[in-house]
Amino acid sequence: MQTGKQYFPLSIGQRIFSLAILAVIVLPVVLVAKDGFGQLLLLGIMVVIAPLIGWCIAIIPRYTEVTDRQIIVKQVWGGLVFDREEVEVTPIGKEALSGSIRTFGNGGLFGYTGFFRNKALGSYRMYITRMKDLAVITDKTGKKTVINLRMLGNATPASTASMEDKM
C-alpha cells in the first residue's frame, strides 16, 4: 500500500442528490416564511433539521491518508485513525455492500456514513464518498469499517463470496 493522501470527491450524482435534498428542505420554508406559521416552521427546521444536516456535513470523509504506521480517514470535523499493525485491510468491491441496511447513519446525503449491516460483512461502520476503491478494515476485536482506499500493487477487490469465506 503506497503512502500519501488519497482524495475521493463526491460523484456528480451525489452532488446533485445532496443539493436537491437541501433544496426540498429549504425552498418550501423560504416560500412560506412570510406568515407566522412559516416562521414557526423555519424555527422548527433550524432546531431539528439544521443540526442533522450539520452532522452529515461534519462526518463527510475528505481524504484518506496512508502513512507507514497509520491509515487516517480525515473528515470535515475530526477523523478516524487506524494503526496499520493492529488492523487487517481487505479490498472489496461494491457488491460486498449489496443488501446493506442502514442501522444509524446517512445513506447518500454527502456520502455514505454511519452504521450498516448486511449478510456478507455483518455489522460495520462505513465512511465513504464513492462506491469504488473500497476496503474493509478489521481491527483485533473484529470491528469492521469500510472506507475508500486505493490498494496499489497486486491487490484486487475481493468478491462478496470471498469475503464470506474469510468470516
N, C-alpha and C. Protein backbone atom coordinates (compact mmCIF):
# COMPACT_ATOMS: atom_id res chain seq x y z
N MET A 1 0.86 -1.17 0.00
CA MET A 1 0.00 0.00 0.00
C MET A 1 0.90 1.24 0.00
N GLN A 2 0.70 2.10 -0.96
CA GLN A 2 1.53 3.29 -1.10
C GLN A 2 1.10 4.38 -0.13
N THR A 3 2.08 5.08 0.47
CA THR A 3 1.75 6.14 1.41
C THR A 3 1.36 7.42 0.66
N GLY A 4 0.65 8.31 1.36
CA GLY A 4 0.22 9.58 0.79
C GLY A 4 -1.27 9.78 0.97
N LYS A 5 -1.75 10.94 0.51
CA LYS A 5 -3.17 11.27 0.61
C LYS A 5 -3.90 10.79 -0.64
N GLN A 6 -5.09 10.24 -0.42
CA GLN A 6 -5.95 9.79 -1.49
C GLN A 6 -7.28 10.53 -1.37
N TYR A 7 -7.64 11.28 -2.41
CA TYR A 7 -8.87 12.07 -2.39
C TYR A 7 -9.98 11.33 -3.12
N PHE A 8 -11.18 11.38 -2.56
CA PHE A 8 -12.35 10.74 -3.13
C PHE A 8 -13.51 11.74 -3.12
N PRO A 9 -13.54 12.67 -4.08
CA PRO A 9 -14.63 13.67 -4.07
C PRO A 9 -15.98 13.02 -4.37
N LEU A 10 -17.04 13.70 -3.96
CA LEU A 10 -18.38 13.22 -4.24
C LEU A 10 -18.59 13.09 -5.75
N SER A 11 -19.30 12.08 -6.15
CA SER A 11 -19.62 11.92 -7.57
C SER A 11 -20.63 13.00 -7.97
N ILE A 12 -20.77 13.20 -9.26
CA ILE A 12 -21.74 14.18 -9.77
C ILE A 12 -23.14 13.82 -9.29
N GLY A 13 -23.48 12.55 -9.34
CA GLY A 13 -24.81 12.10 -8.89
C GLY A 13 -25.06 12.42 -7.43
N GLN A 14 -24.06 12.19 -6.59
CA GLN A 14 -24.22 12.51 -5.16
C GLN A 14 -24.32 14.01 -4.94
N ARG A 15 -23.58 14.78 -5.70
CA ARG A 15 -23.68 16.24 -5.56
C ARG A 15 -25.07 16.72 -5.93
N ILE A 16 -25.60 16.21 -7.03
CA ILE A 16 -26.95 16.60 -7.47
C ILE A 16 -27.98 16.16 -6.43
N PHE A 17 -27.87 14.91 -5.95
CA PHE A 17 -28.79 14.39 -4.95
C PHE A 17 -28.74 15.24 -3.67
N SER A 18 -27.56 15.56 -3.20
CA SER A 18 -27.41 16.34 -1.97
C SER A 18 -27.99 17.74 -2.12
N LEU A 19 -27.71 18.39 -3.25
CA LEU A 19 -28.27 19.73 -3.48
C LEU A 19 -29.79 19.67 -3.62
N ALA A 20 -30.31 18.64 -4.26
CA ALA A 20 -31.76 18.50 -4.41
C ALA A 20 -32.44 18.31 -3.06
N ILE A 21 -31.85 17.49 -2.19
CA ILE A 21 -32.42 17.29 -0.85
C ILE A 21 -32.41 18.60 -0.07
N LEU A 22 -31.31 19.33 -0.14
CA LEU A 22 -31.26 20.63 0.56
C LEU A 22 -32.30 21.59 0.01
N ALA A 23 -32.48 21.60 -1.31
CA ALA A 23 -33.48 22.48 -1.92
C ALA A 23 -34.89 22.09 -1.48
N VAL A 24 -35.18 20.80 -1.41
CA VAL A 24 -36.50 20.33 -0.99
C VAL A 24 -36.78 20.75 0.46
N ILE A 25 -35.75 20.80 1.28
CA ILE A 25 -35.93 21.19 2.68
C ILE A 25 -36.05 22.70 2.82
N VAL A 26 -35.18 23.44 2.13
CA VAL A 26 -35.09 24.89 2.35
C VAL A 26 -36.12 25.67 1.54
N LEU A 27 -36.36 25.30 0.30
CA LEU A 27 -37.23 26.09 -0.59
C LEU A 27 -38.65 26.28 -0.04
N PRO A 28 -39.33 25.23 0.41
CA PRO A 28 -40.68 25.45 0.94
C PRO A 28 -40.69 26.38 2.15
N VAL A 29 -39.69 26.30 2.97
CA VAL A 29 -39.62 27.16 4.16
C VAL A 29 -39.46 28.61 3.75
N VAL A 30 -38.61 28.87 2.78
CA VAL A 30 -38.40 30.24 2.32
C VAL A 30 -39.68 30.79 1.72
N LEU A 31 -40.42 29.96 1.00
CA LEU A 31 -41.64 30.42 0.35
C LEU A 31 -42.76 30.74 1.33
N VAL A 32 -42.82 30.04 2.48
CA VAL A 32 -43.91 30.27 3.43
C VAL A 32 -43.46 31.04 4.67
N ALA A 33 -42.23 31.50 4.71
CA ALA A 33 -41.69 32.16 5.91
C ALA A 33 -42.27 33.55 6.12
N LYS A 34 -43.17 34.02 5.28
CA LYS A 34 -43.71 35.36 5.41
C LYS A 34 -44.76 35.46 6.51
N ASP A 35 -45.47 34.38 6.77
CA ASP A 35 -46.51 34.43 7.79
C ASP A 35 -46.01 33.79 9.10
N GLY A 36 -46.85 33.81 10.11
CA GLY A 36 -46.47 33.28 11.42
C GLY A 36 -46.18 31.79 11.39
N PHE A 37 -47.00 31.02 10.65
CA PHE A 37 -46.77 29.59 10.56
C PHE A 37 -45.44 29.29 9.88
N GLY A 38 -45.12 30.03 8.84
CA GLY A 38 -43.86 29.84 8.12
C GLY A 38 -42.67 30.12 9.01
N GLN A 39 -42.80 31.13 9.87
CA GLN A 39 -41.70 31.44 10.79
C GLN A 39 -41.55 30.34 11.84
N LEU A 40 -42.67 29.78 12.28
CA LEU A 40 -42.63 28.67 13.22
C LEU A 40 -41.99 27.43 12.57
N LEU A 41 -42.35 27.19 11.31
CA LEU A 41 -41.77 26.09 10.56
C LEU A 41 -40.26 26.28 10.39
N LEU A 42 -39.87 27.51 10.08
CA LEU A 42 -38.45 27.83 9.94
C LEU A 42 -37.71 27.57 11.25
N LEU A 43 -38.29 27.96 12.37
CA LEU A 43 -37.68 27.72 13.67
C LEU A 43 -37.55 26.21 13.94
N GLY A 44 -38.60 25.46 13.60
CA GLY A 44 -38.55 24.00 13.77
C GLY A 44 -37.44 23.37 12.94
N ILE A 45 -37.28 23.83 11.73
CA ILE A 45 -36.22 23.30 10.87
C ILE A 45 -34.85 23.66 11.42
N MET A 46 -34.73 24.87 11.91
CA MET A 46 -33.43 25.30 12.45
C MET A 46 -33.07 24.48 13.69
N VAL A 47 -34.06 24.11 14.49
CA VAL A 47 -33.79 23.38 15.73
C VAL A 47 -33.56 21.89 15.48
N VAL A 48 -34.29 21.31 14.54
CA VAL A 48 -34.23 19.87 14.33
C VAL A 48 -33.38 19.48 13.12
N ILE A 49 -33.71 20.00 11.97
CA ILE A 49 -33.09 19.53 10.74
C ILE A 49 -31.70 20.13 10.53
N ALA A 50 -31.50 21.38 10.85
CA ALA A 50 -30.19 22.00 10.63
C ALA A 50 -29.06 21.26 11.36
N PRO A 51 -29.24 20.85 12.63
CA PRO A 51 -28.16 20.08 13.27
C PRO A 51 -27.91 18.73 12.60
N LEU A 52 -28.97 18.09 12.10
CA LEU A 52 -28.78 16.81 11.40
C LEU A 52 -27.98 17.00 10.11
N ILE A 53 -28.31 18.04 9.37
CA ILE A 53 -27.56 18.33 8.14
C ILE A 53 -26.12 18.71 8.51
N GLY A 54 -25.95 19.47 9.58
CA GLY A 54 -24.61 19.82 10.05
C GLY A 54 -23.80 18.59 10.39
N TRP A 55 -24.43 17.61 11.06
CA TRP A 55 -23.75 16.36 11.40
C TRP A 55 -23.36 15.60 10.14
N CYS A 56 -24.27 15.55 9.15
CA CYS A 56 -23.97 14.87 7.88
C CYS A 56 -22.76 15.51 7.20
N ILE A 57 -22.69 16.82 7.25
CA ILE A 57 -21.55 17.53 6.64
C ILE A 57 -20.28 17.29 7.45
N ALA A 58 -20.39 17.29 8.76
CA ALA A 58 -19.21 17.17 9.63
C ALA A 58 -18.49 15.84 9.47
N ILE A 59 -19.21 14.77 9.17
CA ILE A 59 -18.56 13.46 9.10
C ILE A 59 -18.27 13.02 7.66
N ILE A 60 -18.37 13.93 6.70
CA ILE A 60 -18.02 13.59 5.33
C ILE A 60 -16.53 13.26 5.27
N PRO A 61 -16.15 12.12 4.73
CA PRO A 61 -14.72 11.85 4.55
C PRO A 61 -14.14 12.77 3.48
N ARG A 62 -13.09 13.50 3.82
CA ARG A 62 -12.45 14.40 2.85
C ARG A 62 -11.35 13.70 2.08
N TYR A 63 -10.53 12.92 2.78
CA TYR A 63 -9.47 12.16 2.12
C TYR A 63 -9.01 11.04 3.05
N THR A 64 -8.31 10.09 2.48
CA THR A 64 -7.68 9.02 3.25
C THR A 64 -6.18 9.21 3.14
N GLU A 65 -5.51 9.22 4.26
CA GLU A 65 -4.05 9.36 4.25
C GLU A 65 -3.43 8.07 4.78
N VAL A 66 -2.49 7.56 4.02
CA VAL A 66 -1.79 6.35 4.42
C VAL A 66 -0.35 6.73 4.77
N THR A 67 0.06 6.41 5.99
CA THR A 67 1.45 6.63 6.41
C THR A 67 2.07 5.25 6.65
N ASP A 68 3.32 5.24 7.01
CA ASP A 68 3.99 3.96 7.30
C ASP A 68 3.34 3.25 8.48
N ARG A 69 2.76 4.00 9.40
CA ARG A 69 2.22 3.41 10.63
C ARG A 69 0.71 3.46 10.75
N GLN A 70 0.05 4.37 9.99
CA GLN A 70 -1.39 4.57 10.19
C GLN A 70 -2.14 4.72 8.88
N ILE A 71 -3.45 4.49 8.97
CA ILE A 71 -4.40 4.85 7.92
C ILE A 71 -5.34 5.85 8.57
N ILE A 72 -5.44 7.04 8.00
CA ILE A 72 -6.22 8.12 8.60
C ILE A 72 -7.32 8.53 7.61
N VAL A 73 -8.55 8.49 8.06
CA VAL A 73 -9.67 9.00 7.26
C VAL A 73 -10.00 10.36 7.83
N LYS A 74 -9.62 11.40 7.12
CA LYS A 74 -9.85 12.77 7.57
C LYS A 74 -11.26 13.18 7.17
N GLN A 75 -12.02 13.62 8.17
CA GLN A 75 -13.38 14.08 7.93
C GLN A 75 -13.40 15.60 8.03
N VAL A 76 -14.50 16.21 7.64
CA VAL A 76 -14.62 17.67 7.77
C VAL A 76 -14.38 18.06 9.23
N TRP A 77 -14.91 17.27 10.16
CA TRP A 77 -14.69 17.52 11.58
C TRP A 77 -14.16 16.24 12.20
N GLY A 78 -12.88 16.22 12.53
CA GLY A 78 -12.28 15.05 13.15
C GLY A 78 -11.79 14.05 12.13
N GLY A 79 -11.73 12.80 12.55
CA GLY A 79 -11.26 11.76 11.65
C GLY A 79 -11.17 10.42 12.35
N LEU A 80 -10.85 9.41 11.58
CA LEU A 80 -10.67 8.06 12.08
C LEU A 80 -9.20 7.69 11.89
N VAL A 81 -8.60 7.07 12.90
CA VAL A 81 -7.20 6.68 12.82
C VAL A 81 -7.08 5.19 13.10
N PHE A 82 -6.42 4.48 12.20
CA PHE A 82 -6.20 3.04 12.34
C PHE A 82 -4.70 2.78 12.32
N ASP A 83 -4.19 2.08 13.33
CA ASP A 83 -2.78 1.67 13.35
C ASP A 83 -2.64 0.48 12.42
N ARG A 84 -1.77 0.58 11.44
CA ARG A 84 -1.64 -0.47 10.43
C ARG A 84 -1.23 -1.82 11.01
N GLU A 85 -0.49 -1.80 12.11
CA GLU A 85 -0.04 -3.06 12.71
C GLU A 85 -1.17 -3.77 13.45
N GLU A 86 -2.25 -3.05 13.77
CA GLU A 86 -3.33 -3.62 14.57
C GLU A 86 -4.59 -3.92 13.79
N VAL A 87 -4.56 -3.72 12.47
CA VAL A 87 -5.75 -3.96 11.65
C VAL A 87 -5.39 -4.80 10.43
N GLU A 88 -6.43 -5.42 9.88
CA GLU A 88 -6.29 -6.13 8.61
C GLU A 88 -7.08 -5.34 7.56
N VAL A 89 -6.44 -5.04 6.45
CA VAL A 89 -7.07 -4.28 5.38
C VAL A 89 -7.35 -5.22 4.21
N THR A 90 -8.62 -5.29 3.80
CA THR A 90 -9.01 -6.17 2.70
C THR A 90 -9.76 -5.34 1.66
N PRO A 91 -9.27 -5.29 0.43
CA PRO A 91 -10.01 -4.59 -0.62
C PRO A 91 -11.30 -5.35 -0.95
N ILE A 92 -12.37 -4.62 -1.20
CA ILE A 92 -13.65 -5.23 -1.56
C ILE A 92 -14.24 -4.49 -2.76
N GLY A 93 -15.15 -5.13 -3.43
CA GLY A 93 -15.91 -4.49 -4.49
C GLY A 93 -17.24 -4.01 -3.93
N LYS A 94 -17.93 -3.18 -4.68
CA LYS A 94 -19.20 -2.64 -4.17
C LYS A 94 -20.25 -3.73 -4.00
N GLU A 95 -20.07 -4.87 -4.67
CA GLU A 95 -21.04 -5.96 -4.49
C GLU A 95 -21.01 -6.50 -3.07
N ALA A 96 -19.92 -6.31 -2.34
CA ALA A 96 -19.85 -6.75 -0.94
C ALA A 96 -20.78 -5.92 -0.05
N LEU A 97 -21.21 -4.76 -0.55
CA LEU A 97 -22.11 -3.89 0.22
C LEU A 97 -23.58 -4.10 -0.16
N SER A 98 -23.83 -4.96 -1.14
CA SER A 98 -25.22 -5.15 -1.58
C SER A 98 -26.04 -5.76 -0.45
N GLY A 99 -27.27 -5.34 -0.38
CA GLY A 99 -28.17 -5.81 0.67
C GLY A 99 -27.95 -5.14 2.01
N SER A 100 -27.12 -4.10 2.05
CA SER A 100 -26.84 -3.41 3.31
C SER A 100 -28.05 -2.64 3.80
N ILE A 101 -28.25 -2.68 5.09
CA ILE A 101 -29.31 -1.93 5.75
C ILE A 101 -28.66 -0.91 6.66
N ARG A 102 -29.07 0.33 6.53
CA ARG A 102 -28.54 1.41 7.38
C ARG A 102 -29.20 1.28 8.76
N THR A 103 -28.40 1.05 9.78
CA THR A 103 -28.96 0.95 11.13
C THR A 103 -28.91 2.30 11.84
N PHE A 104 -27.93 3.12 11.54
CA PHE A 104 -27.89 4.50 12.03
C PHE A 104 -26.87 5.23 11.18
N GLY A 105 -27.30 6.20 10.44
CA GLY A 105 -26.35 6.93 9.63
C GLY A 105 -27.00 7.58 8.44
N ASN A 106 -26.19 7.83 7.45
CA ASN A 106 -26.55 8.61 6.30
C ASN A 106 -26.26 7.78 5.05
N GLY A 107 -27.28 7.52 4.27
CA GLY A 107 -27.11 6.67 3.11
C GLY A 107 -27.16 7.40 1.79
N GLY A 108 -26.45 8.50 1.65
CA GLY A 108 -26.40 9.17 0.35
C GLY A 108 -26.23 10.67 0.40
N LEU A 109 -26.65 11.33 1.46
CA LEU A 109 -26.52 12.78 1.55
C LEU A 109 -25.08 13.11 1.90
N PHE A 110 -24.32 13.61 0.94
CA PHE A 110 -22.90 13.95 1.08
C PHE A 110 -22.00 12.73 1.24
N GLY A 111 -22.49 11.55 1.03
CA GLY A 111 -21.69 10.34 1.16
C GLY A 111 -22.49 9.25 1.85
N TYR A 112 -21.79 8.19 2.22
CA TYR A 112 -22.41 7.06 2.93
C TYR A 112 -21.65 6.90 4.25
N THR A 113 -22.26 7.32 5.34
CA THR A 113 -21.57 7.32 6.62
C THR A 113 -22.48 6.77 7.70
N GLY A 114 -21.88 6.08 8.65
CA GLY A 114 -22.65 5.60 9.78
C GLY A 114 -22.52 4.10 9.96
N PHE A 115 -23.55 3.51 10.55
CA PHE A 115 -23.56 2.09 10.88
C PHE A 115 -24.50 1.34 9.95
N PHE A 116 -24.01 0.22 9.41
CA PHE A 116 -24.76 -0.56 8.45
C PHE A 116 -24.64 -2.04 8.81
N ARG A 117 -25.45 -2.86 8.12
CA ARG A 117 -25.40 -4.31 8.35
C ARG A 117 -25.80 -5.00 7.04
N ASN A 118 -25.11 -6.11 6.74
CA ASN A 118 -25.53 -6.99 5.64
C ASN A 118 -25.03 -8.40 5.91
N LYS A 119 -25.41 -9.34 5.05
CA LYS A 119 -25.04 -10.74 5.27
C LYS A 119 -23.54 -10.97 5.10
N ALA A 120 -22.93 -10.33 4.13
CA ALA A 120 -21.52 -10.58 3.83
C ALA A 120 -20.59 -10.05 4.92
N LEU A 121 -20.84 -8.84 5.40
CA LEU A 121 -19.94 -8.20 6.36
C LEU A 121 -20.43 -8.24 7.79
N GLY A 122 -21.70 -8.48 8.01
CA GLY A 122 -22.27 -8.37 9.35
C GLY A 122 -22.46 -6.90 9.68
N SER A 123 -22.27 -6.53 10.94
CA SER A 123 -22.37 -5.11 11.34
C SER A 123 -21.06 -4.42 11.03
N TYR A 124 -21.15 -3.22 10.47
CA TYR A 124 -19.94 -2.47 10.13
C TYR A 124 -20.24 -0.97 10.10
N ARG A 125 -19.17 -0.21 10.26
CA ARG A 125 -19.24 1.24 10.06
C ARG A 125 -18.79 1.52 8.64
N MET A 126 -19.32 2.60 8.06
CA MET A 126 -18.89 2.96 6.71
C MET A 126 -18.70 4.46 6.63
N TYR A 127 -17.58 4.86 6.04
CA TYR A 127 -17.27 6.27 5.82
C TYR A 127 -16.69 6.40 4.42
N ILE A 128 -17.58 6.51 3.43
CA ILE A 128 -17.14 6.59 2.04
C ILE A 128 -17.88 7.70 1.31
N THR A 129 -17.28 8.16 0.22
CA THR A 129 -17.94 9.14 -0.63
C THR A 129 -18.27 8.56 -2.01
N ARG A 130 -17.64 7.45 -2.35
CA ARG A 130 -17.87 6.80 -3.63
C ARG A 130 -17.97 5.30 -3.45
N MET A 131 -18.66 4.65 -4.36
CA MET A 131 -18.82 3.20 -4.29
C MET A 131 -17.74 2.47 -5.09
N LYS A 132 -16.54 3.02 -5.11
CA LYS A 132 -15.41 2.32 -5.72
C LYS A 132 -14.17 2.58 -4.87
N ASP A 133 -13.12 1.83 -5.13
CA ASP A 133 -11.90 1.90 -4.31
C ASP A 133 -12.26 1.68 -2.84
N LEU A 134 -12.89 0.56 -2.56
CA LEU A 134 -13.36 0.26 -1.22
C LEU A 134 -12.44 -0.74 -0.52
N ALA A 135 -12.34 -0.59 0.78
CA ALA A 135 -11.59 -1.54 1.60
C ALA A 135 -12.29 -1.67 2.94
N VAL A 136 -12.26 -2.89 3.50
CA VAL A 136 -12.79 -3.09 4.84
C VAL A 136 -11.59 -3.24 5.77
N ILE A 137 -11.63 -2.47 6.85
CA ILE A 137 -10.59 -2.53 7.87
C ILE A 137 -11.17 -3.26 9.07
N THR A 138 -10.52 -4.34 9.46
CA THR A 138 -10.97 -5.14 10.59
C THR A 138 -9.94 -5.03 11.70
N ASP A 139 -10.38 -4.59 12.88
CA ASP A 139 -9.43 -4.47 14.00
C ASP A 139 -9.35 -5.79 14.76
N LYS A 140 -8.54 -5.82 15.80
CA LYS A 140 -8.30 -7.05 16.56
C LYS A 140 -9.56 -7.60 17.23
N THR A 141 -10.53 -6.72 17.51
CA THR A 141 -11.77 -7.16 18.16
C THR A 141 -12.81 -7.63 17.14
N GLY A 142 -12.50 -7.51 15.85
CA GLY A 142 -13.44 -7.93 14.81
C GLY A 142 -14.33 -6.80 14.30
N LYS A 143 -14.16 -5.60 14.83
CA LYS A 143 -14.95 -4.45 14.40
C LYS A 143 -14.53 -4.06 12.98
N LYS A 144 -15.53 -3.90 12.09
CA LYS A 144 -15.25 -3.62 10.68
C LYS A 144 -15.63 -2.19 10.33
N THR A 145 -14.79 -1.57 9.50
CA THR A 145 -15.04 -0.24 8.98
C THR A 145 -14.74 -0.24 7.49
N VAL A 146 -15.69 0.22 6.68
CA VAL A 146 -15.49 0.31 5.24
C VAL A 146 -15.11 1.75 4.91
N ILE A 147 -14.01 1.89 4.16
CA ILE A 147 -13.53 3.22 3.76
C ILE A 147 -13.17 3.19 2.28
N ASN A 148 -12.97 4.38 1.71
CA ASN A 148 -12.39 4.48 0.38
C ASN A 148 -10.88 4.39 0.54
N LEU A 149 -10.25 3.46 -0.18
CA LEU A 149 -8.80 3.28 -0.10
C LEU A 149 -8.33 2.60 -1.37
N ARG A 150 -7.41 3.25 -2.06
CA ARG A 150 -6.84 2.64 -3.26
C ARG A 150 -5.71 1.72 -2.83
N MET A 151 -5.87 0.46 -3.18
CA MET A 151 -4.86 -0.54 -2.87
C MET A 151 -3.98 -0.68 -4.10
N LEU A 152 -2.85 -0.02 -4.10
CA LEU A 152 -1.95 -0.08 -5.25
C LEU A 152 -1.09 -1.33 -5.15
N GLY A 153 -0.70 -1.84 -6.27
CA GLY A 153 0.10 -3.06 -6.27
C GLY A 153 -0.73 -4.20 -6.80
N ASN A 154 -0.57 -5.38 -6.22
CA ASN A 154 -1.25 -6.54 -6.76
C ASN A 154 -2.58 -6.84 -6.09
N ALA A 155 -3.05 -5.97 -5.23
CA ALA A 155 -4.33 -6.21 -4.55
C ALA A 155 -5.48 -5.95 -5.50
N THR A 156 -6.47 -6.84 -5.48
CA THR A 156 -7.67 -6.67 -6.28
C THR A 156 -8.88 -6.78 -5.37
N PRO A 157 -9.98 -6.12 -5.73
CA PRO A 157 -11.16 -6.20 -4.87
C PRO A 157 -11.64 -7.63 -4.69
N ALA A 158 -11.95 -7.95 -3.47
CA ALA A 158 -12.48 -9.28 -3.16
C ALA A 158 -13.97 -9.30 -3.47
N SER A 159 -14.45 -10.40 -3.93
CA SER A 159 -15.88 -10.51 -4.20
C SER A 159 -16.62 -10.78 -2.91
N THR A 160 -17.92 -10.69 -2.97
CA THR A 160 -18.74 -10.97 -1.80
C THR A 160 -18.51 -12.40 -1.32
N ALA A 161 -18.38 -13.33 -2.24
CA ALA A 161 -18.18 -14.72 -1.87
C ALA A 161 -16.87 -14.89 -1.11
N SER A 162 -15.80 -14.25 -1.59
CA SER A 162 -14.53 -14.41 -0.89
C SER A 162 -14.55 -13.72 0.47
N MET A 163 -15.36 -12.67 0.63
CA MET A 163 -15.48 -12.03 1.94
C MET A 163 -16.18 -12.98 2.91
N GLU A 164 -17.20 -13.71 2.43
CA GLU A 164 -17.89 -14.64 3.29
C GLU A 164 -16.98 -15.79 3.71
N ASP A 165 -16.05 -16.19 2.80
CA ASP A 165 -15.12 -17.26 3.13
C ASP A 165 -14.17 -16.86 4.26
N LYS A 166 -13.87 -15.57 4.37
CA LYS A 166 -12.93 -15.09 5.39
C LYS A 166 -13.59 -14.97 6.76
N MET A 167 -14.92 -15.06 6.81
CA MET A 167 -15.62 -14.86 8.09
C MET A 167 -15.98 -16.16 8.73
